[in-house]
Amino acid sequence: MSARVDGGVRRVLGPGDEVAGLLVEDGWDVALVPRASGDDAHWDGLASALALPGWFGRNLDALDEVLHDLERPTALVLAAWWAYATARPERWAALLELLTERSLEEPPLLVVLAD
């Protein structure tokens, strides 16, 4: 990822940690969310990757607020995203819709679906 990319949602081939490293080299603030197939692990991963406090609401409304509070271009790298999408398809669809909408706003949010 040597050329500067604006926000948006992109699917890339490659492990999340390698993709995250390339994005850091390109100057992005990177939040790497590890593979999760259940709700608890998914929210734990998001909270950890975004360095959220323990009282974070663990729901889409709270996540939307947090993402709107970002002040710098940020890449949210979802490692093995397909695990959660397969296990929780309705929740994944709602999450992807939220991330897609936020990725079109400023500051840039790049959502990377890493395999």
Protein backbone atom coordinates (compact mmCIF):
# COMPACT_ATOMS: atom_id res chain seq x y z
CA MET A 1 0.00 0.00 0.00
CA SER A 2 2.52 2.54 -1.08
CA ALA A 3 0.09 5.13 -2.49
CA ARG A 4 -2.04 7.19 -0.15
CA VAL A 5 -5.58 5.85 0.03
CA ASP A 6 -8.61 7.78 1.18
CA GLY A 7 -11.22 6.28 3.45
CA GLY A 8 -13.59 3.57 2.33
CA VAL A 9 -13.97 -0.15 2.70
CA ARG A 10 -11.45 -2.41 0.99
CA ARG A 11 -10.92 -6.15 0.99
CA VAL A 12 -7.31 -7.26 0.77
CA LEU A 13 -5.60 -10.60 0.57
CA GLY A 14 -3.08 -11.15 3.30
CA PRO A 15 -2.84 -11.44 7.06
CA GLY A 16 -4.19 -8.53 9.08
CA ASP A 17 -0.93 -7.91 10.91
CA GLU A 18 1.02 -7.56 7.67
CA VAL A 19 -1.59 -5.23 6.19
CA ALA A 20 -1.58 -3.18 9.41
CA GLY A 21 2.21 -2.85 9.23
CA LEU A 22 2.05 -1.50 5.68
CA LEU A 23 -0.60 1.03 6.68
CA VAL A 24 1.50 2.23 9.62
CA GLU A 25 4.39 2.76 7.20
CA ASP A 26 2.03 4.86 5.06
CA GLY A 27 1.24 7.10 8.04
CA TRP A 28 -2.15 5.79 9.14
CA ASP A 29 -3.19 5.35 12.74
CA VAL A 30 -4.04 1.65 12.71
CA ALA A 31 -6.46 -0.32 14.85
CA LEU A 32 -6.00 -4.07 14.23
CA VAL A 33 -9.04 -6.10 15.25
CA PRO A 34 -8.20 -9.79 15.68
CA ARG A 35 -10.27 -12.65 14.30
CA ALA A 36 -13.50 -13.21 16.19
CA SER A 37 -16.47 -15.46 15.58
CA GLY A 38 -18.62 -14.48 18.54
CA ASP A 39 -20.04 -11.24 19.85
CA ASP A 40 -17.95 -11.05 23.02
CA ALA A 41 -14.67 -11.65 21.21
CA HIS A 42 -15.70 -9.22 18.47
CA TRP A 43 -16.44 -6.38 20.90
CA ASP A 44 -13.35 -7.20 22.98
CA GLY A 45 -11.24 -6.96 19.83
CA LEU A 46 -12.76 -3.65 18.76
CA ALA A 47 -12.41 -2.17 22.25
CA SER A 48 -8.79 -3.27 22.51
CA ALA A 49 -7.82 -2.18 18.97
CA LEU A 50 -9.36 1.27 19.43
CA ALA A 51 -8.05 1.57 23.03
CA LEU A 52 -11.56 2.13 24.37
CA PRO A 53 -12.29 2.41 28.09
CA GLY A 54 -13.86 -0.46 30.03
CA TRP A 55 -17.18 1.35 30.15
CA PHE A 56 -17.50 1.35 26.33
CA GLY A 57 -21.09 0.40 25.45
CA ARG A 58 -20.26 -2.59 23.20
CA ASN A 59 -23.00 -1.80 20.69
CA LEU A 60 -23.25 -0.13 17.28
CA ASP A 61 -24.44 3.22 18.63
CA ALA A 62 -21.46 3.45 20.97
CA LEU A 63 -19.08 2.38 18.20
CA ASP A 64 -20.54 5.01 15.88
CA GLU A 65 -19.86 7.72 18.49
CA VAL A 66 -16.30 6.52 19.00
CA LEU A 67 -15.61 6.49 15.26
CA HIS A 68 -16.97 10.02 14.94
CA ASP A 69 -14.58 11.14 17.68
CA LEU A 70 -11.52 10.12 15.64
CA GLU A 71 -9.32 13.11 14.90
CA ARG A 72 -6.76 11.55 12.55
CA PRO A 73 -6.97 9.32 9.49
CA THR A 74 -7.45 5.84 10.89
CA ALA A 75 -7.35 2.39 9.34
CA LEU A 76 -9.51 -0.21 11.03
CA VAL A 77 -8.10 -3.57 9.97
CA LEU A 78 -10.48 -6.47 10.57
CA ALA A 79 -8.36 -9.63 10.52
CA ALA A 80 -10.16 -12.73 9.26
CA TRP A 81 -13.36 -10.69 9.03
CA TRP A 82 -15.16 -13.60 7.41
CA ALA A 83 -15.21 -15.53 10.70
CA TYR A 84 -17.57 -13.02 12.31
CA ALA A 85 -19.50 -12.47 9.07
CA THR A 86 -20.19 -16.20 8.82
CA ALA A 87 -21.04 -16.70 12.49
CA ARG A 88 -23.22 -13.59 12.89
CA PRO A 89 -24.41 -12.56 9.40
CA GLU A 90 -27.13 -10.12 10.52
CA ARG A 91 -24.85 -8.37 12.99
CA TRP A 92 -22.04 -8.32 10.43
CA ALA A 93 -24.34 -6.65 7.89
CA ALA A 94 -25.27 -3.94 10.40
CA LEU A 95 -21.63 -3.41 11.37
CA LEU A 96 -20.51 -3.22 7.75
CA GLU A 97 -23.23 -0.67 6.99
CA LEU A 98 -22.11 1.51 9.91
CA LEU A 99 -18.43 1.26 8.90
CA THR A 100 -19.23 2.00 5.27
CA GLU A 101 -21.21 5.13 6.15
CA ARG A 102 -18.49 6.39 8.51
CA SER A 103 -15.75 5.67 5.98
CA LEU A 104 -17.23 8.29 3.65
CA GLU A 105 -16.77 11.08 6.21
CA GLU A 106 -13.81 13.06 7.50
CA PRO A 107 -11.29 12.43 8.88
CA PRO A 108 -10.70 9.42 6.67
CA LEU A 109 -11.57 6.02 8.05
CA LEU A 110 -10.19 3.18 5.98
CA VAL A 111 -11.85 -0.13 6.77
CA VAL A 112 -9.72 -3.04 5.64
CA LEU A 113 -11.17 -6.53 5.47
CA ALA A 114 -8.05 -8.70 5.66
CA ASP A 115 -8.12 -12.41 4.88
